[in-house]
Amino acid sequence: MKVTFPHLGSLSIVLTGLLQDFGLEVIPPPPITKKTIDLGVLHAPEFACLPLKINLGNFIEALELGADTIVMGGGTGPCRFGYYAQVQREILQDLGFNFQMIVLEPPQGQVSKLVDKLKILCGNKRPGEILQAAITAWYKIKALDKLQGEVLKCRAFELEKGATSKAYEAGLSFLQAARTPAQVKTGLKKGLELLAGVKQKINKDALRVGLIGEVYMLLEPFANLQVEKLLGEMGVVVERSVYLSSWITEHLILSSLRLPGGLATKKAAAKYIKQFVGGHGRESVGDMVRFARRGFDGVIHILPFTCTPEIVAQSILPIVSRQEGIPYLSVSLDEQSGEAGFITRLEAFLDLLKQRRHKTQNQAFKLATARR
């Protein structure tokens, strides 16, 4: 069995190690490039969203390298993600590829079905070995999230452009090589030390911007046109609303136990939207409210073109912006989106935030002076 999977940010680091620990030969897709997207666009339905097209390109490239088994996630609800695997399977079979696809659906209380599919991947491994591999993978996910969070804080203050990214890549290599929880802990420590060693400048006026939106678009840098890197190098402190560990906790672990997740976000969204609309639509609304109440300067909403749940959220965000007093920029991306136009929109939005902050500071100063 030669196994592959779709790219999703740093998830490939985790999945490669986990599947190798299961004794499988792993063929990760090549890094996402324009060729990947072109392959997906060529064979996917025209109005399919960008994540489906990128996933399809991943699979074509991996199958051409010799993979014979695809591990793909599934989903439920209004979001079309639940149909990705079925659509992609049909397209790939029509293209003449011979493979099997293992679709891992959210258990929703039916854990036995998920276990049966995992048995195919685990082979003859003993339960203790499987548990150890899973624990190592979870430690690695948490470590990657921690490292990424520190990068978002550090990059805005770097003295030399690109220094933070170089330190981050080195940190990733330590975690990629780790095969035990102890090695993951050591790798994370080394990565954080590298980030701490990046020379920084003092910038007390750094803007704080929150990123919200569809999970794939937030976690996959190629899909979101490297928005975190772009903002950081513009001197902006960025905070992402979702990380891989939180997404797994809510949609796999808590879902398996039929327990609700993301309660704080759902509570924040309740004033504007109460029901589940698929994907991360409700979460986008709630996350924007939470960023506003934490004093962030603005929010950027990233969604794939034609994403139904995020379009629902997009229609509500103007109300949230007015009532919570926070500016936002909503960006819909597809295979036609270019970096130059995207950067122009970001720069214009940041100029607006700076002017707004300056105006607020002046008003506060005048008010304080009048009281004396």
Protein backbone atom coordinates (compact mmCIF):
# COMPACT_ATOMS: atom_id res chain seq x y z
CA MET A 1 0.00 0.00 0.00
CA LYS A 2 1.39 3.37 -1.11
CA VAL A 3 -0.58 6.07 0.65
CA THR A 4 -1.15 9.73 -0.15
CA PHE A 5 -3.39 12.52 1.14
CA PRO A 6 -4.24 16.16 0.36
CA HIS A 7 -2.09 19.02 1.57
CA LEU A 8 -3.46 21.24 4.35
CA GLY A 9 -0.84 23.54 5.79
CA SER A 10 1.53 21.62 8.05
CA LEU A 11 -0.76 18.56 8.25
CA SER A 12 1.42 16.69 5.77
CA ILE A 13 4.24 16.67 8.34
CA VAL A 14 1.96 14.96 10.84
CA LEU A 15 0.32 12.51 8.44
CA THR A 16 3.59 11.44 6.88
CA GLY A 17 5.06 10.51 10.27
CA LEU A 18 1.84 8.87 11.49
CA LEU A 19 1.35 6.68 8.42
CA GLN A 20 5.01 5.69 8.40
CA ASP A 21 4.66 4.66 12.03
CA PHE A 22 1.79 2.44 10.87
CA GLY A 23 4.29 0.71 8.59
CA LEU A 24 2.98 2.20 5.35
CA GLU A 25 4.87 3.57 2.39
CA VAL A 26 3.90 7.23 2.15
CA ILE A 27 3.95 9.30 -1.05
CA PRO A 28 3.04 12.87 -0.04
CA PRO A 29 1.83 15.08 -2.88
CA PRO A 30 4.49 17.46 -4.20
CA PRO A 31 4.28 20.97 -2.72
CA ILE A 32 1.33 22.91 -4.13
CA THR A 33 2.26 24.92 -7.22
CA LYS A 34 0.46 26.53 -10.13
CA LYS A 35 0.67 23.17 -11.89
CA THR A 36 -1.30 21.60 -9.03
CA ILE A 37 -4.08 24.14 -9.39
CA ASP A 38 -4.07 23.90 -13.18
CA LEU A 39 -4.57 20.13 -12.97
CA GLY A 40 -7.44 20.55 -10.53
CA VAL A 41 -9.10 23.29 -12.56
CA LEU A 42 -8.79 21.26 -15.77
CA HIS A 43 -10.66 18.25 -14.38
CA ALA A 44 -12.92 19.61 -11.60
CA PRO A 45 -16.43 21.03 -12.10
CA GLU A 46 -16.19 24.69 -13.10
CA PHE A 47 -17.98 26.07 -10.03
CA ALA A 48 -16.31 23.78 -7.51
CA CYS A 49 -14.53 25.73 -4.78
CA LEU A 50 -10.77 26.22 -4.75
CA PRO A 51 -10.00 23.66 -2.00
CA LEU A 52 -11.62 20.85 -4.04
CA LYS A 53 -9.57 21.82 -7.09
CA ILE A 54 -6.31 21.93 -5.13
CA ASN A 55 -7.06 18.57 -3.48
CA LEU A 56 -7.76 17.03 -6.88
CA GLY A 57 -4.47 18.38 -8.21
CA ASN A 58 -2.70 16.93 -5.15
CA PHE A 59 -4.15 13.49 -5.88
CA ILE A 60 -3.31 13.52 -9.59
CA GLU A 61 0.32 14.44 -8.86
CA ALA A 62 0.63 11.83 -6.09
CA LEU A 63 -0.99 9.06 -8.17
CA GLU A 64 1.39 9.83 -11.02
CA LEU A 65 4.26 9.31 -8.55
CA GLY A 66 2.98 5.82 -7.74
CA ALA A 67 0.48 6.20 -4.90
CA ASP A 68 -2.31 3.60 -4.92
CA THR A 69 -4.31 4.60 -1.82
CA ILE A 70 -5.82 8.01 -1.00
CA VAL A 71 -6.75 9.02 2.54
CA MET A 72 -9.39 11.74 2.40
CA GLY A 73 -11.55 13.46 4.98
CA GLY A 74 -15.32 13.59 4.82
CA GLY A 75 -17.95 15.87 6.27
CA THR A 76 -21.62 16.42 6.96
CA GLY A 77 -24.07 19.27 6.67
CA PRO A 78 -24.61 21.94 4.01
CA CYS A 79 -20.91 22.36 3.19
CA ARG A 80 -19.93 20.64 -0.06
CA PHE A 81 -16.82 19.23 1.63
CA GLY A 82 -18.92 16.18 2.47
CA TYR A 83 -19.08 15.38 -1.26
CA TYR A 84 -15.43 16.07 -2.12
CA ALA A 85 -14.28 12.45 -1.84
CA GLN A 86 -17.12 11.07 -3.97
CA VAL A 87 -16.67 13.70 -6.69
CA GLN A 88 -12.89 13.32 -6.70
CA ARG A 89 -13.12 9.52 -6.83
CA GLU A 90 -15.34 9.65 -9.92
CA ILE A 91 -13.08 12.17 -11.68
CA LEU A 92 -9.90 10.21 -10.95
CA GLN A 93 -11.46 6.94 -12.09
CA ASP A 94 -12.61 8.59 -15.32
CA LEU A 95 -9.00 9.70 -15.84
CA GLY A 96 -7.93 6.06 -15.69
CA PHE A 97 -6.24 5.94 -12.28
CA ASN A 98 -6.40 2.67 -10.35
CA PHE A 99 -6.55 3.32 -6.60
CA GLN A 100 -8.57 2.88 -3.43
CA MET A 101 -9.89 5.83 -1.42
CA ILE A 102 -10.32 5.64 2.34
CA VAL A 103 -12.73 8.36 3.47
CA LEU A 104 -12.54 9.24 7.15
CA GLU A 105 -15.89 10.75 8.10
CA PRO A 106 -16.62 12.60 11.36
CA PRO A 107 -17.94 9.77 13.58
CA GLN A 108 -20.94 11.64 15.05
CA GLY A 109 -21.27 8.96 17.70
CA GLN A 110 -20.68 6.03 15.31
CA VAL A 111 -17.05 5.42 16.22
CA SER A 112 -17.07 1.81 15.00
CA LYS A 113 -17.26 2.88 11.34
CA LEU A 114 -14.23 5.12 11.75
CA VAL A 115 -12.35 2.35 13.58
CA ASP A 116 -13.03 -0.12 10.73
CA LYS A 117 -11.46 2.27 8.22
CA LEU A 118 -8.49 2.97 10.47
CA LYS A 119 -7.84 -0.78 10.74
CA ILE A 120 -7.09 -0.81 7.02
CA LEU A 121 -4.36 1.75 7.58
CA CYS A 122 -3.01 0.26 10.80
CA GLY A 123 -2.48 -3.21 9.32
CA ASN A 124 -0.93 -5.66 11.78
CA LYS A 125 0.27 -3.05 14.24
CA ARG A 126 -0.43 -3.84 17.88
CA PRO A 127 -2.83 -1.54 19.80
CA GLY A 128 0.05 -0.19 21.89
CA GLU A 129 2.01 0.77 18.78
CA ILE A 130 -1.03 2.44 17.24
CA LEU A 131 -1.68 4.40 20.43
CA GLN A 132 1.96 5.51 20.64
CA ALA A 133 1.88 6.69 17.02
CA ALA A 134 -1.37 8.58 17.60
CA ILE A 135 -0.01 10.25 20.75
CA THR A 136 3.14 11.34 18.90
CA ALA A 137 1.01 12.74 16.06
CA TRP A 138 -1.12 14.72 18.51
CA TYR A 139 1.96 16.14 20.26
CA LYS A 140 3.28 17.13 16.85
CA ILE A 141 0.03 18.88 15.90
CA LYS A 142 0.05 20.87 19.15
CA ALA A 143 3.73 21.74 18.68
CA LEU A 144 3.17 22.92 15.10
CA ASP A 145 0.29 25.13 16.23
CA LYS A 146 2.43 26.59 19.01
CA LEU A 147 5.27 27.31 16.60
CA GLN A 148 2.93 28.92 14.07
CA GLY A 149 1.34 31.09 16.75
CA GLU A 150 4.75 32.40 17.79
CA VAL A 151 5.65 33.11 14.17
CA LEU A 152 2.57 35.32 13.79
CA LYS A 153 3.64 37.35 16.83
CA CYS A 154 7.31 37.54 15.88
CA ARG A 155 7.16 38.36 12.17
CA ALA A 156 5.60 41.81 12.67
CA PHE A 157 8.66 42.99 14.60
CA GLU A 158 11.51 41.33 12.66
CA LEU A 159 14.43 43.63 11.90
CA GLU A 160 15.47 41.69 8.81
CA LYS A 161 12.68 40.80 6.38
CA GLY A 162 12.35 37.04 6.03
CA ALA A 163 14.33 36.17 9.18
CA THR A 164 11.25 34.82 10.96
CA SER A 165 10.31 32.64 8.01
CA LYS A 166 13.81 31.17 7.89
CA ALA A 167 13.68 30.35 11.60
CA TYR A 168 10.23 28.83 11.14
CA GLU A 169 11.37 26.54 8.31
CA ALA A 170 14.24 25.31 10.47
CA GLY A 171 11.81 24.70 13.34
CA LEU A 172 9.56 22.68 11.03
CA SER A 173 12.49 20.45 10.09
CA PHE A 174 13.05 19.59 13.77
CA LEU A 175 9.41 18.60 14.22
CA GLN A 176 9.32 16.70 10.95
CA ALA A 177 12.21 14.51 12.14
CA ALA A 178 10.65 13.86 15.58
CA ARG A 179 9.31 10.32 16.08
CA THR A 180 8.45 10.32 19.79
CA PRO A 181 6.70 12.80 22.15
CA ALA A 182 10.08 13.54 23.77
CA GLN A 183 11.63 14.34 20.40
CA VAL A 184 8.65 16.54 19.54
CA LYS A 185 9.13 18.46 22.78
CA THR A 186 12.83 18.91 22.05
CA GLY A 187 12.14 19.95 18.46
CA LEU A 188 9.59 22.54 19.57
CA LYS A 189 12.04 23.94 22.11
CA LYS A 190 14.70 24.33 19.42
CA GLY A 191 12.22 25.96 17.05
CA LEU A 192 11.06 28.46 19.67
CA GLU A 193 14.67 29.27 20.53
CA LEU A 194 15.35 30.05 16.88
CA LEU A 195 12.35 32.39 16.77
CA ALA A 196 13.43 34.04 20.02
CA GLY A 197 16.80 34.69 18.39
CA VAL A 198 15.32 36.71 15.52
CA LYS A 199 16.40 40.32 15.96
CA GLN A 200 13.41 42.57 16.51
CA LYS A 201 12.56 46.24 16.39
CA ILE A 202 10.31 48.18 18.73
CA ASN A 203 6.94 48.94 17.16
CA LYS A 204 4.43 50.02 19.76
CA ASP A 205 1.92 51.02 17.07
CA ALA A 206 1.70 47.62 15.38
CA LEU A 207 -1.79 46.86 14.15
CA ARG A 208 -3.56 43.71 15.35
CA VAL A 209 -5.64 41.89 12.76
CA GLY A 210 -7.66 38.70 13.18
CA LEU A 211 -8.09 36.14 10.40
CA ILE A 212 -11.44 34.38 10.09
CA GLY A 213 -13.09 32.23 7.45
CA GLU A 214 -13.16 28.77 5.92
CA VAL A 215 -10.75 26.37 7.58
CA TYR A 216 -8.86 25.20 4.48
CA MET A 217 -8.32 28.76 3.27
CA LEU A 218 -6.99 29.77 6.69
CA LEU A 219 -4.64 26.80 7.13
CA GLU A 220 -3.23 26.42 3.60
CA PRO A 221 -0.80 29.27 2.76
CA PHE A 222 -0.82 28.61 -0.99
CA ALA A 223 -4.61 28.90 -1.09
CA ASN A 224 -4.74 32.17 0.88
CA LEU A 225 -1.86 33.75 -1.08
CA GLN A 226 0.41 33.71 1.99
CA VAL A 227 -1.77 36.27 3.77
CA GLU A 228 -0.14 35.70 7.17
CA LYS A 229 3.35 36.25 5.75
CA LEU A 230 2.26 39.30 3.78
CA LEU A 231 0.61 40.94 6.77
CA GLY A 232 3.46 40.10 9.11
CA GLU A 233 6.06 41.61 6.79
CA MET A 234 3.85 44.72 6.64
CA GLY A 235 4.31 45.03 10.41
CA VAL A 236 0.94 43.57 11.43
CA VAL A 237 0.45 41.21 14.38
CA VAL A 238 -1.82 38.47 13.08
CA GLU A 239 -3.98 36.02 14.99
CA ARG A 240 -5.74 33.16 13.26
CA SER A 241 -9.17 32.08 14.50
CA VAL A 242 -8.60 28.36 13.96
CA TYR A 243 -5.65 26.02 14.26
CA LEU A 244 -5.32 22.38 13.30
CA SER A 245 -5.54 21.12 16.90
CA SER A 246 -8.71 23.07 17.68
CA TRP A 247 -10.34 21.90 14.44
CA ILE A 248 -9.54 18.24 15.21
CA THR A 249 -10.71 18.60 18.80
CA GLU A 250 -14.07 20.02 17.78
CA HIS A 251 -14.84 18.03 14.64
CA LEU A 252 -13.33 14.65 15.49
CA ILE A 253 -12.87 14.16 19.23
CA LEU A 254 -15.90 16.02 20.60
CA SER A 255 -18.01 14.94 17.62
CA SER A 256 -17.18 11.30 18.38
CA LEU A 257 -18.53 11.77 21.90
CA ARG A 258 -21.53 13.79 20.67
CA LEU A 259 -20.32 16.74 22.70
CA PRO A 260 -20.60 20.37 21.52
CA GLY A 261 -17.44 22.28 20.67
CA GLY A 262 -16.56 25.92 20.15
CA LEU A 263 -19.03 27.07 22.78
CA ALA A 264 -17.44 30.50 23.29
CA THR A 265 -17.57 31.23 19.57
CA LYS A 266 -21.14 30.00 19.21
CA LYS A 267 -22.20 32.11 22.17
CA ALA A 268 -20.57 35.18 20.62
CA ALA A 269 -22.35 34.52 17.32
CA ALA A 270 -25.78 33.89 18.87
CA LYS A 271 -26.85 37.53 18.67
CA TYR A 272 -26.41 37.45 14.90
CA ILE A 273 -26.84 33.80 13.88
CA LYS A 274 -28.05 30.92 16.02
CA GLN A 275 -28.18 27.89 13.74
CA PHE A 276 -25.52 25.79 12.03
CA VAL A 277 -25.17 26.75 8.36
CA GLY A 278 -22.43 24.31 7.40
CA GLY A 279 -18.66 24.61 7.28
CA HIS A 280 -17.40 27.48 9.44
CA GLY A 281 -20.10 30.01 8.58
CA ARG A 282 -21.37 30.49 12.11
CA GLU A 283 -17.83 30.36 13.51
CA SER A 284 -16.73 33.18 11.20
CA VAL A 285 -19.41 35.41 12.66
CA GLY A 286 -18.61 34.46 16.25
CA ASP A 287 -14.87 34.82 15.73
CA MET A 288 -15.33 38.33 14.36
CA VAL A 289 -17.34 39.29 17.43
CA ARG A 290 -14.65 37.88 19.72
CA PHE A 291 -11.85 39.72 17.91
CA ALA A 292 -13.84 42.96 18.19
CA ARG A 293 -14.37 42.51 21.92
CA ARG A 294 -10.66 41.82 22.42
CA GLY A 295 -9.79 45.18 20.90
CA PHE A 296 -8.37 44.10 17.55
CA ASP A 297 -7.97 46.82 14.94
CA GLY A 298 -9.64 44.83 12.19
CA VAL A 299 -10.59 41.45 10.78
CA ILE A 300 -9.90 39.81 7.42
CA HIS A 301 -12.40 37.23 6.21
CA ILE A 302 -10.96 34.65 3.79
CA LEU A 303 -13.28 32.37 1.83
CA PRO A 304 -13.18 30.30 -1.34
CA PHE A 305 -15.32 31.63 -4.18
CA THR A 306 -18.81 29.99 -4.18
CA CYS A 307 -18.48 28.69 -0.58
CA THR A 308 -22.11 28.62 0.60
CA PRO A 309 -21.56 28.70 4.41
CA GLU A 310 -19.10 31.58 4.17
CA ILE A 311 -21.42 33.50 1.82
CA VAL A 312 -24.04 33.27 4.58
CA ALA A 313 -21.49 34.63 7.06
CA GLN A 314 -20.43 37.30 4.56
CA SER A 315 -23.97 38.67 4.45
CA ILE A 316 -23.99 39.06 8.25
CA LEU A 317 -20.52 40.55 8.76
CA PRO A 318 -21.55 44.14 7.82
CA ILE A 319 -24.04 44.10 10.72
CA VAL A 320 -21.42 42.71 13.08
CA SER A 321 -18.95 45.36 11.92
CA ARG A 322 -21.36 48.21 12.67
CA GLN A 323 -22.64 46.94 15.99
CA GLU A 324 -19.30 45.69 17.34
CA GLY A 325 -17.31 48.62 15.95
CA ILE A 326 -14.65 46.74 14.00
CA PRO A 327 -13.66 47.19 10.34
CA TYR A 328 -13.34 44.09 8.16
CA LEU A 329 -12.20 43.04 4.72
CA SER A 330 -13.86 40.05 3.07
CA VAL A 331 -11.77 38.37 0.35
CA SER A 332 -13.13 35.66 -1.93
CA LEU A 333 -10.34 33.68 -3.63
CA ASP A 334 -10.22 31.24 -6.52
CA GLU A 335 -7.72 30.08 -9.15
CA GLN A 336 -7.93 33.47 -10.89
CA SER A 337 -6.85 35.46 -7.83
CA GLY A 338 -3.50 37.21 -8.15
CA GLU A 339 -1.04 38.31 -5.48
CA ALA A 340 -0.57 41.85 -6.83
CA GLY A 341 -4.24 42.78 -6.56
CA PHE A 342 -4.49 41.03 -3.21
CA ILE A 343 -1.57 43.03 -1.79
CA THR A 344 -3.16 46.27 -3.01
CA ARG A 345 -6.38 45.43 -1.16
CA LEU A 346 -4.45 44.57 2.01
CA GLU A 347 -2.48 47.81 1.89
CA ALA A 348 -5.63 49.88 1.42
CA PHE A 349 -7.30 48.10 4.34
CA LEU A 350 -4.31 48.64 6.61
CA ASP A 351 -4.22 52.35 5.70
CA LEU A 352 -7.87 52.55 6.77
CA LEU A 353 -7.08 50.86 10.08
CA LYS A 354 -4.17 53.22 10.75
CA GLN A 355 -6.30 56.28 10.05
CA ARG A 356 -9.05 54.93 12.28
CA ARG A 357 -6.63 54.27 15.14
CA HIS A 358 -5.08 57.73 14.75
CA LYS A 359 -8.53 59.34 14.82
CA THR A 360 -9.49 57.35 17.92
CA GLN A 361 -6.27 58.35 19.70
CA ASN A 362 -6.81 62.02 18.86
CA GLN A 363 -10.37 61.91 20.17
CA ALA A 364 -9.20 60.25 23.37
CA PHE A 365 -6.49 62.89 23.80
CA LYS A 366 -8.94 65.76 23.29
CA LEU A 367 -11.37 64.20 25.75
CA ALA A 368 -8.65 63.75 28.35
CA THR A 369 -7.46 67.35 27.84
CA ALA A 370 -10.99 68.74 28.19
CA ARG A 371 -11.40 66.99 31.55
CA ARG A 372 -8.33 68.61 33.08
